[in-house]
Amino acid sequence: MKVLDSKGKQLNLITNGFDLSADEIADLYKSRWVIELFFKWMKQHLNIEKFYAQSQQGVHNQVYLAMIVYCLNVLVQFRTKSERTYLQISRYLKASL
């Protein structure tokens, strides 16, 4: 299957999904890439290296808690009008515990 990317470059796709058009397959890959970028962001900003829970609820709780910590750190940075980066503030808070 052949499809054009956003820059007009032709991509050759190999798949066993014969019931889908080339554009539908390209859209699936784009969606998957967005998900991969989200997980990369989570690892970098929420410090989630791995999921400790086995259940869906446990994973949700871990993500929610990490997001709360991230938001609190951003609020500290905003309220104090700090020139420090998020990472510096996070390290300082961890050290002060």
PDB file of N, CA and C in Angstrom:
ATOM      1  N   MET A   1       0.839  -1.172   0.000  1.00  0.00           N
ATOM      2  CA  MET A   1       0.000   0.000   0.000  1.00  0.00           C
ATOM      3  C   MET A   1       0.882   1.232   0.000  1.00  0.00           C
ATOM      4  N   LYS A   2       0.434   2.255  -0.674  1.00  0.00           N
ATOM      5  CA  LYS A   2       1.189   3.497  -0.749  1.00  0.00           C
ATOM      6  C   LYS A   2       0.323   4.645  -0.254  1.00  0.00           C
ATOM      7  N   VAL A   3       0.961   5.537   0.499  1.00  0.00           N
ATOM      8  CA  VAL A   3       0.271   6.695   1.049  1.00  0.00           C
ATOM      9  C   VAL A   3       1.263   7.851   1.105  1.00  0.00           C
ATOM     10  N   LEU A   4       0.769   9.080   1.077  1.00  0.00           N
ATOM     11  CA  LEU A   4       1.614  10.262   1.176  1.00  0.00           C
ATOM     12  C   LEU A   4       1.598  10.771   2.614  1.00  0.00           C
ATOM     13  N   ASP A   5       2.780  11.154   3.123  1.00  0.00           N
ATOM     14  CA  ASP A   5       2.829  11.727   4.468  1.00  0.00           C
ATOM     15  C   ASP A   5       2.495  13.208   4.394  1.00  0.00           C
ATOM     16  N   SER A   6       2.594  13.904   5.526  1.00  0.00           N
ATOM     17  CA  SER A   6       2.191  15.313   5.586  1.00  0.00           C
ATOM     18  C   SER A   6       3.095  16.215   4.746  1.00  0.00           C
ATOM     19  N   LYS A   7       4.293  15.733   4.412  1.00  0.00           N
ATOM     20  CA  LYS A   7       5.222  16.516   3.595  1.00  0.00           C
ATOM     21  C   LYS A   7       5.151  16.135   2.120  1.00  0.00           C
ATOM     22  N   GLY A   8       4.244  15.231   1.785  1.00  0.00           N
ATOM     23  CA  GLY A   8       4.085  14.810   0.400  1.00  0.00           C
ATOM     24  C   GLY A   8       5.007  13.681  -0.023  1.00  0.00           C
ATOM     25  N   LYS A   9       5.733  13.120   0.918  1.00  0.00           N
ATOM     26  CA  LYS A   9       6.640  12.002   0.630  1.00  0.00           C
ATOM     27  C   LYS A   9       5.842  10.702   0.611  1.00  0.00           C
ATOM     28  N   GLN A  10       6.129   9.863  -0.362  1.00  0.00           N
ATOM     29  CA  GLN A  10       5.415   8.590  -0.480  1.00  0.00           C
ATOM     30  C   GLN A  10       5.959   7.573   0.508  1.00  0.00           C
ATOM     31  N   LEU A  11       5.056   6.924   1.222  1.00  0.00           N
ATOM     32  CA  LEU A  11       5.405   5.862   2.157  1.00  0.00           C
ATOM     33  C   LEU A  11       4.813   4.557   1.655  1.00  0.00           C
ATOM     34  N   ASN A  12       5.590   3.502   1.725  1.00  0.00           N
ATOM     35  CA  ASN A  12       5.109   2.169   1.375  1.00  0.00           C
ATOM     36  C   ASN A  12       4.798   1.427   2.666  1.00  0.00           C
ATOM     37  N   LEU A  13       3.562   1.008   2.815  1.00  0.00           N
ATOM     38  CA  LEU A  13       3.122   0.314   4.020  1.00  0.00           C
ATOM     39  C   LEU A  13       2.909  -1.155   3.723  1.00  0.00           C
ATOM     40  N   ILE A  14       3.412  -1.982   4.618  1.00  0.00           N
ATOM     41  CA  ILE A  14       3.212  -3.423   4.498  1.00  0.00           C
ATOM     42  C   ILE A  14       2.316  -3.845   5.660  1.00  0.00           C
ATOM     43  N   THR A  15       1.230  -4.524   5.326  1.00  0.00           N
ATOM     44  CA  THR A  15       0.278  -4.923   6.360  1.00  0.00           C
ATOM     45  C   THR A  15      -0.479  -6.166   5.918  1.00  0.00           C
ATOM     46  N   ASN A  16      -1.060  -6.835   6.884  1.00  0.00           N
ATOM     47  CA  ASN A  16      -1.952  -7.943   6.562  1.00  0.00           C
ATOM     48  C   ASN A  16      -3.407  -7.538   6.778  1.00  0.00           C
ATOM     49  N   GLY A  17      -3.625  -6.240   7.016  1.00  0.00           N
ATOM     50  CA  GLY A  17      -4.984  -5.721   7.186  1.00  0.00           C
ATOM     51  C   GLY A  17      -5.563  -5.312   5.838  1.00  0.00           C
ATOM     52  N   PHE A  18      -5.954  -6.289   5.057  1.00  0.00           N
ATOM     53  CA  PHE A  18      -6.423  -6.010   3.695  1.00  0.00           C
ATOM     54  C   PHE A  18      -7.805  -5.358   3.661  1.00  0.00           C
ATOM     55  N   ASP A  19      -8.496  -5.371   4.780  1.00  0.00           N
ATOM     56  CA  ASP A  19      -9.827  -4.774   4.818  1.00  0.00           C
ATOM     57  C   ASP A  19      -9.774  -3.264   5.068  1.00  0.00           C
ATOM     58  N   LEU A  20      -8.559  -2.714   5.272  1.00  0.00           N
ATOM     59  CA  LEU A  20      -8.395  -1.289   5.533  1.00  0.00           C
ATOM     60  C   LEU A  20      -7.723  -0.606   4.345  1.00  0.00           C
ATOM     61  N   SER A  21      -8.073   0.656   4.133  1.00  0.00           N
ATOM     62  CA  SER A  21      -7.423   1.421   3.070  1.00  0.00           C
ATOM     63  C   SER A  21      -6.064   1.919   3.569  1.00  0.00           C
ATOM     64  N   ALA A  22      -5.248   2.379   2.639  1.00  0.00           N
ATOM     65  CA  ALA A  22      -3.924   2.896   2.996  1.00  0.00           C
ATOM     66  C   ALA A  22      -4.054   4.103   3.920  1.00  0.00           C
ATOM     67  N   ASP A  23      -5.034   4.962   3.670  1.00  0.00           N
ATOM     68  CA  ASP A  23      -5.232   6.135   4.525  1.00  0.00           C
ATOM     69  C   ASP A  23      -5.653   5.731   5.936  1.00  0.00           C
ATOM     70  N   GLU A  24      -6.492   4.714   6.054  1.00  0.00           N
ATOM     71  CA  GLU A  24      -6.909   4.251   7.384  1.00  0.00           C
ATOM     72  C   GLU A  24      -5.727   3.677   8.155  1.00  0.00           C
ATOM     73  N   ILE A  25      -4.870   2.931   7.477  1.00  0.00           N
ATOM     74  CA  ILE A  25      -3.688   2.365   8.133  1.00  0.00           C
ATOM     75  C   ILE A  25      -2.737   3.481   8.552  1.00  0.00           C
ATOM     76  N   ALA A  26      -2.557   4.478   7.684  1.00  0.00           N
ATOM     77  CA  ALA A  26      -1.702   5.617   8.030  1.00  0.00           C
ATOM     78  C   ALA A  26      -2.259   6.347   9.246  1.00  0.00           C
ATOM     79  N   ASP A  27      -3.573   6.505   9.317  1.00  0.00           N
ATOM     80  CA  ASP A  27      -4.195   7.156  10.484  1.00  0.00           C
ATOM     81  C   ASP A  27      -3.963   6.348  11.753  1.00  0.00           C
ATOM     82  N   LEU A  28      -4.016   5.017  11.652  1.00  0.00           N
ATOM     83  CA  LEU A  28      -3.740   4.167  12.820  1.00  0.00           C
ATOM     84  C   LEU A  28      -2.309   4.358  13.314  1.00  0.00           C
ATOM     85  N   TYR A  29      -1.353   4.424  12.391  1.00  0.00           N
ATOM     86  CA  TYR A  29       0.037   4.646  12.782  1.00  0.00           C
ATOM     87  C   TYR A  29       0.214   6.016  13.426  1.00  0.00           C
ATOM     88  N   LYS A  30      -0.455   7.033  12.882  1.00  0.00           N
ATOM     89  CA  LYS A  30      -0.375   8.371  13.472  1.00  0.00           C
ATOM     90  C   LYS A  30      -0.931   8.364  14.890  1.00  0.00           C
ATOM     91  N   SER A  31      -2.052   7.687  15.083  1.00  0.00           N
ATOM     92  CA  SER A  31      -2.647   7.601  16.416  1.00  0.00           C
ATOM     93  C   SER A  31      -1.716   6.884  17.377  1.00  0.00           C
ATOM     94  N   ARG A  32      -1.089   5.830  16.908  1.00  0.00           N
ATOM     95  CA  ARG A  32      -0.164   5.088  17.762  1.00  0.00           C
ATOM     96  C   ARG A  32       1.014   5.964  18.150  1.00  0.00           C
ATOM     97  N   TRP A  33       1.493   6.776  17.210  1.00  0.00           N
ATOM     98  CA  TRP A  33       2.631   7.641  17.493  1.00  0.00           C
ATOM     99  C   TRP A  33       2.271   8.668  18.564  1.00  0.00           C
ATOM    100  N   VAL A  34       1.057   9.200  18.537  1.00  0.00           N
ATOM    101  CA  VAL A  34       0.611  10.153  19.555  1.00  0.00           C
ATOM    102  C   VAL A  34       0.607   9.485  20.929  1.00  0.00           C
ATOM    103  N   ILE A  35       0.171   8.244  20.973  1.00  0.00           N
ATOM    104  CA  ILE A  35       0.171   7.500  22.238  1.00  0.00           C
ATOM    105  C   ILE A  35       1.598   7.303  22.737  1.00  0.00           C
ATOM    106  N   GLU A  36       2.517   6.958  21.831  1.00  0.00           N
ATOM    107  CA  GLU A  36       3.919   6.785  22.214  1.00  0.00           C
ATOM    108  C   GLU A  36       4.500   8.087  22.764  1.00  0.00           C
ATOM    109  N   LEU A  37       4.175   9.215  22.147  1.00  0.00           N
ATOM    110  CA  LEU A  37       4.657  10.508  22.627  1.00  0.00           C
ATOM    111  C   LEU A  37       4.095  10.822  24.012  1.00  0.00           C
ATOM    112  N   PHE A  38       2.831  10.450  24.249  1.00  0.00           N
ATOM    113  CA  PHE A  38       2.239  10.670  25.565  1.00  0.00           C
ATOM    114  C   PHE A  38       2.977   9.860  26.629  1.00  0.00           C
ATOM    115  N   PHE A  39       3.281   8.587  26.340  1.00  0.00           N
ATOM    116  CA  PHE A  39       3.999   7.776  27.316  1.00  0.00           C
ATOM    117  C   PHE A  39       5.414   8.304  27.536  1.00  0.00           C
ATOM    118  N   LYS A  40       6.034   8.824  26.491  1.00  0.00           N
ATOM    119  CA  LYS A  40       7.362   9.432  26.652  1.00  0.00           C
ATOM    120  C   LYS A  40       7.267  10.640  27.583  1.00  0.00           C
ATOM    121  N   TRP A  41       6.233  11.476  27.378  1.00  0.00           N
ATOM    122  CA  TRP A  41       6.034  12.634  28.247  1.00  0.00           C
ATOM    123  C   TRP A  41       5.818  12.191  29.688  1.00  0.00           C
ATOM    124  N   MET A  42       5.007  11.138  29.867  1.00  0.00           N
ATOM    125  CA  MET A  42       4.748  10.637  31.226  1.00  0.00           C
ATOM    126  C   MET A  42       6.042  10.200  31.900  1.00  0.00           C
ATOM    127  N   LYS A  43       6.871   9.478  31.161  1.00  0.00           N
ATOM    128  CA  LYS A  43       8.132   9.019  31.748  1.00  0.00           C
ATOM    129  C   LYS A  43       9.025  10.188  32.131  1.00  0.00           C
ATOM    130  N   GLN A  44       9.076  11.206  31.283  1.00  0.00           N
ATOM    131  CA  GLN A  44       9.973  12.328  31.526  1.00  0.00           C
ATOM    132  C   GLN A  44       9.455  13.288  32.586  1.00  0.00           C
ATOM    133  N   HIS A  45       8.158  13.568  32.593  1.00  0.00           N
ATOM    134  CA  HIS A  45       7.631  14.591  33.476  1.00  0.00           C
ATOM    135  C   HIS A  45       6.954  14.047  34.726  1.00  0.00           C
ATOM    136  N   LEU A  46       6.371  12.893  34.624  1.00  0.00           N
ATOM    137  CA  LEU A  46       5.682  12.326  35.786  1.00  0.00           C
ATOM    138  C   LEU A  46       6.536  11.299  36.517  1.00  0.00           C
ATOM    139  N   ASN A  47       7.715  11.045  36.016  1.00  0.00           N
ATOM    140  CA  ASN A  47       8.646  10.092  36.629  1.00  0.00           C
ATOM    141  C   ASN A  47       8.023   8.711  36.803  1.00  0.00           C
ATOM    142  N   ILE A  48       7.250   8.292  35.829  1.00  0.00           N
ATOM    143  CA  ILE A  48       6.694   6.944  35.845  1.00  0.00           C
ATOM    144  C   ILE A  48       7.595   6.065  34.989  1.00  0.00           C
ATOM    145  N   GLU A  49       8.396   5.273  35.658  1.00  0.00           N
ATOM    146  CA  GLU A  49       9.298   4.368  34.945  1.00  0.00           C
ATOM    147  C   GLU A  49       8.607   3.052  34.612  1.00  0.00           C
ATOM    148  N   LYS A  50       7.795   2.597  35.540  1.00  0.00           N
ATOM    149  CA  LYS A  50       7.028   1.371  35.319  1.00  0.00           C
ATOM    150  C   LYS A  50       5.767   1.445  36.168  1.00  0.00           C
ATOM    151  N   PHE A  51       4.813   0.613  35.814  1.00  0.00           N
ATOM    152  CA  PHE A  51       3.577   0.553  36.576  1.00  0.00           C
ATOM    153  C   PHE A  51       3.713  -0.551  37.617  1.00  0.00           C
ATOM    154  N   TYR A  52       3.432  -0.195  38.855  1.00  0.00           N
ATOM    155  CA  TYR A  52       3.595  -1.142  39.957  1.00  0.00           C
ATOM    156  C   TYR A  52       2.368  -2.020  40.158  1.00  0.00           C
ATOM    157  N   ALA A  53       1.229  -1.541  39.752  1.00  0.00           N
ATOM    158  CA  ALA A  53      -0.014  -2.284  39.962  1.00  0.00           C
ATOM    159  C   ALA A  53      -0.265  -3.242  38.798  1.00  0.00           C
ATOM    160  N   GLN A  54      -1.046  -4.250  39.060  1.00  0.00           N
ATOM    161  CA  GLN A  54      -1.454  -5.210  38.038  1.00  0.00           C
ATOM    162  C   GLN A  54      -2.855  -4.912  37.519  1.00  0.00           C
ATOM    163  N   SER A  55      -3.619  -4.158  38.301  1.00  0.00           N
ATOM    164  CA  SER A  55      -5.004  -3.884  37.926  1.00  0.00           C
ATOM    165  C   SER A  55      -5.110  -2.545  37.202  1.00  0.00           C
ATOM    166  N   GLN A  56      -6.181  -2.379  36.455  1.00  0.00           N
ATOM    167  CA  GLN A  56      -6.430  -1.131  35.749  1.00  0.00           C
ATOM    168  C   GLN A  56      -6.585   0.024  36.740  1.00  0.00           C
ATOM    169  N   GLN A  57      -7.313  -0.209  37.818  1.00  0.00           N
ATOM    170  CA  GLN A  57      -7.514   0.834  38.826  1.00  0.00           C
ATOM    171  C   GLN A  57      -6.200   1.247  39.460  1.00  0.00           C
ATOM    172  N   GLY A  58      -5.322   0.288  39.720  1.00  0.00           N
ATOM    173  CA  GLY A  58      -4.018   0.594  40.303  1.00  0.00           C
ATOM    174  C   GLY A  58      -3.168   1.455  39.383  1.00  0.00           C
ATOM    175  N   VAL A  59      -3.194   1.155  38.091  1.00  0.00           N
ATOM    176  CA  VAL A  59      -2.446   1.956  37.113  1.00  0.00           C
ATOM    177  C   VAL A  59      -3.027   3.366  37.052  1.00  0.00           C
ATOM    178  N   HIS A  60      -4.355   3.463  37.035  1.00  0.00           N
ATOM    179  CA  HIS A  60      -5.001   4.783  37.030  1.00  0.00           C
ATOM    180  C   HIS A  60      -4.584   5.583  38.260  1.00  0.00           C
ATOM    181  N   ASN A  61      -4.592   4.942  39.433  1.00  0.00           N
ATOM    182  CA  ASN A  61      -4.216   5.632  40.663  1.00  0.00           C
ATOM    183  C   ASN A  61      -2.785   6.141  40.594  1.00  0.00           C
ATOM    184  N   GLN A  62      -1.874   5.332  40.070  1.00  0.00           N
ATOM    185  CA  GLN A  62      -0.478   5.738  39.969  1.00  0.00           C
ATOM    186  C   GLN A  62      -0.338   6.940  39.035  1.00  0.00           C
ATOM    187  N   VAL A  63      -1.036   6.923  37.920  1.00  0.00           N
ATOM    188  CA  VAL A  63      -0.975   8.040  36.975  1.00  0.00           C
ATOM    189  C   VAL A  63      -1.591   9.291  37.600  1.00  0.00           C
ATOM    190  N   TYR A  64      -2.747   9.151  38.268  1.00  0.00           N
ATOM    191  CA  TYR A  64      -3.390  10.299  38.901  1.00  0.00           C
ATOM    192  C   TYR A  64      -2.487  10.920  39.969  1.00  0.00           C
ATOM    193  N   LEU A  65      -1.884  10.082  40.799  1.00  0.00           N
ATOM    194  CA  LEU A  65      -1.005  10.603  41.843  1.00  0.00           C
ATOM    195  C   LEU A  65       0.202  11.317  41.247  1.00  0.00           C
ATOM    196  N   ALA A  66       0.764  10.744  40.199  1.00  0.00           N
ATOM    197  CA  ALA A  66       1.909  11.378  39.544  1.00  0.00           C
ATOM    198  C   ALA A  66       1.509  12.718  38.929  1.00  0.00           C
ATOM    199  N   MET A  67       0.305  12.789  38.363  1.00  0.00           N
ATOM    200  CA  MET A  67      -0.163  14.048  37.782  1.00  0.00           C
ATOM    201  C   MET A  67      -0.419  15.097  38.862  1.00  0.00           C
ATOM    202  N   ILE A  68      -0.929  14.662  40.010  1.00  0.00           N
ATOM    203  CA  ILE A  68      -1.146  15.589  41.129  1.00  0.00           C
ATOM    204  C   ILE A  68       0.186  16.160  41.593  1.00  0.00           C
ATOM    205  N   VAL A  69       1.191  15.308  41.743  1.00  0.00           N
ATOM    206  CA  VAL A  69       2.520  15.768  42.157  1.00  0.00           C
ATOM    207  C   VAL A  69       3.083  16.741  41.131  1.00  0.00           C
ATOM    208  N   TYR A  70       2.926  16.426  39.851  1.00  0.00           N
ATOM    209  CA  TYR A  70       3.409  17.310  38.794  1.00  0.00           C
ATOM    210  C   TYR A  70       2.717  18.675  38.885  1.00  0.00           C
ATOM    211  N   CYS A  71       1.407  18.678  39.039  1.00  0.00           N
ATOM    212  CA  CYS A  71       0.652  19.936  39.120  1.00  0.00           C
ATOM    213  C   CYS A  71       1.044  20.741  40.358  1.00  0.00           C
ATOM    214  N   LEU A  72       1.265  20.070  41.476  1.00  0.00           N
ATOM    215  CA  LEU A  72       1.690  20.779  42.688  1.00  0.00           C
ATOM    216  C   LEU A  72       3.062  21.419  42.493  1.00  0.00           C
ATOM    217  N   ASN A  73       3.954  20.709  41.823  1.00  0.00           N
ATOM    218  CA  ASN A  73       5.269  21.279  41.546  1.00  0.00           C
ATOM    219  C   ASN A  73       5.168  22.500  40.632  1.00  0.00           C
ATOM    220  N   VAL A  74       4.308  22.416  39.632  1.00  0.00           N
ATOM    221  CA  VAL A  74       4.108  23.551  38.734  1.00  0.00           C
ATOM    222  C   VAL A  74       3.497  24.725  39.499  1.00  0.00           C
ATOM    223  N   LEU A  75       2.558  24.444  40.410  1.00  0.00           N
ATOM    224  CA  LEU A  75       1.976  25.510  41.231  1.00  0.00           C
ATOM    225  C   LEU A  75       3.031  26.176  42.115  1.00  0.00           C
ATOM    226  N   VAL A  76       3.920  25.385  42.689  1.00  0.00           N
ATOM    227  CA  VAL A  76       5.010  25.945  43.500  1.00  0.00           C
ATOM    228  C   VAL A  76       5.863  26.859  42.635  1.00  0.00           C
ATOM    229  N   GLN A  77       6.179  26.396  41.456  1.00  0.00           N
ATOM    230  CA  GLN A  77       6.994  27.198  40.541  1.00  0.00           C
ATOM    231  C   GLN A  77       6.271  28.506  40.177  1.00  0.00           C
ATOM    232  N   PHE A  78       4.978  28.412  39.917  1.00  0.00           N
ATOM    233  CA  PHE A  78       4.188  29.585  39.539  1.00  0.00           C
ATOM    234  C   PHE A  78       4.012  30.561  40.700  1.00  0.00           C
ATOM    235  N   ARG A  79       3.634  30.025  41.860  1.00  0.00           N
ATOM    236  CA  ARG A  79       3.354  30.883  43.020  1.00  0.00           C
ATOM    237  C   ARG A  79       4.603  31.592  43.533  1.00  0.00           C
ATOM    238  N   THR A  80       5.734  30.925  43.483  1.00  0.00           N
ATOM    239  CA  THR A  80       6.974  31.531  43.983  1.00  0.00           C
ATOM    240  C   THR A  80       7.666  32.367  42.919  1.00  0.00           C
ATOM    241  N   LYS A  81       7.117  32.333  41.691  1.00  0.00           N
ATOM    242  CA  LYS A  81       7.723  33.050  40.561  1.00  0.00           C
ATOM    243  C   LYS A  81       9.195  32.683  40.426  1.00  0.00           C
ATOM    244  N   SER A  82       9.458  31.419  40.642  1.00  0.00           N
ATOM    245  CA  SER A  82      10.821  30.918  40.641  1.00  0.00           C
ATOM    246  C   SER A  82      11.391  30.858  39.229  1.00  0.00           C
ATOM    247  N   GLU A  83      12.656  31.161  39.145  1.00  0.00           N
ATOM    248  CA  GLU A  83      13.387  31.038  37.875  1.00  0.00           C
ATOM    249  C   GLU A  83      13.873  29.599  37.677  1.00  0.00           C
ATOM    250  N   ARG A  84      13.748  28.805  38.726  1.00  0.00           N
ATOM    251  CA  ARG A  84      14.217  27.415  38.656  1.00  0.00           C
ATOM    252  C   ARG A  84      13.311  26.598  37.745  1.00  0.00           C
ATOM    253  N   THR A  85      13.880  25.566  37.163  1.00  0.00           N
ATOM    254  CA  THR A  85      13.113  24.684  36.293  1.00  0.00           C
ATOM    255  C   THR A  85      12.262  23.744  37.132  1.00  0.00           C
ATOM    256  N   TYR A  86      11.337  23.087  36.466  1.00  0.00           N
ATOM    257  CA  TYR A  86      10.503  22.096  37.145  1.00  0.00           C
ATOM    258  C   TYR A  86      11.378  21.027  37.789  1.00  0.00           C
ATOM    259  N   LEU A  87      12.392  20.577  37.076  1.00  0.00           N
ATOM    260  CA  LEU A  87      13.275  19.527  37.587  1.00  0.00           C
ATOM    261  C   LEU A  87      14.018  19.990  38.832  1.00  0.00           C
ATOM    262  N   GLN A  88      14.507  21.223  38.839  1.00  0.00           N
ATOM    263  CA  GLN A  88      15.209  21.743  40.006  1.00  0.00           C
ATOM    264  C   GLN A  88      14.282  21.841  41.214  1.00  0.00           C
ATOM    265  N   ILE A  89      13.079  22.310  40.993  1.00  0.00           N
ATOM    266  CA  ILE A  89      12.109  22.414  42.090  1.00  0.00           C
ATOM    267  C   ILE A  89      11.753  21.024  42.611  1.00  0.00           C
ATOM    268  N   SER A  90      11.552  20.089  41.708  1.00  0.00           N
ATOM    269  CA  SER A  90      11.220  18.716  42.097  1.00  0.00           C
ATOM    270  C   SER A  90      12.342  18.120  42.952  1.00  0.00           C
ATOM    271  N   ARG A  91      13.573  18.312  42.535  1.00  0.00           N
ATOM    272  CA  ARG A  91      14.709  17.784  43.294  1.00  0.00           C
ATOM    273  C   ARG A  91      14.796  18.437  44.678  1.00  0.00           C
ATOM    274  N   TYR A  92      14.564  19.749  44.719  1.00  0.00           N
ATOM    275  CA  TYR A  92      14.598  20.456  45.997  1.00  0.00           C
ATOM    276  C   TYR A  92      13.532  19.931  46.943  1.00  0.00           C
ATOM    277  N   LEU A  93      12.318  19.746  46.429  1.00  0.00           N
ATOM    278  CA  LEU A  93      11.229  19.233  47.269  1.00  0.00           C
ATOM    279  C   LEU A  93      11.517  17.824  47.768  1.00  0.00           C
ATOM    280  N   LYS A  94      12.069  16.975  46.905  1.00  0.00           N
ATOM    281  CA  LYS A  94      12.419  15.622  47.333  1.00  0.00           C
ATOM    282  C   LYS A  94      13.489  15.653  48.415  1.00  0.00           C
ATOM    283  N   ALA A  95      14.470  16.517  48.260  1.00  0.00           N
ATOM    284  CA  ALA A  95      15.550  16.597  49.232  1.00  0.00           C
ATOM    285  C   ALA A  95      15.050  17.136  50.574  1.00  0.00           C
ATOM    286  N   SER A  96      14.065  18.019  50.538  1.00  0.00           N
ATOM    287  CA  SER A  96      13.569  18.614  51.776  1.00  0.00           C
ATOM    288  C   SER A  96      12.654  17.675  52.545  1.00  0.00           C
ATOM    289  N   LEU A  97      12.206  16.608  51.908  1.00  0.00           N
ATOM    290  CA  LEU A  97      11.383  15.643  52.632  1.00  0.00           C
ATOM    291  C   LEU A  97      12.251  14.871  53.589  1.00  0.00           C
TER     292      LEU A  97
END
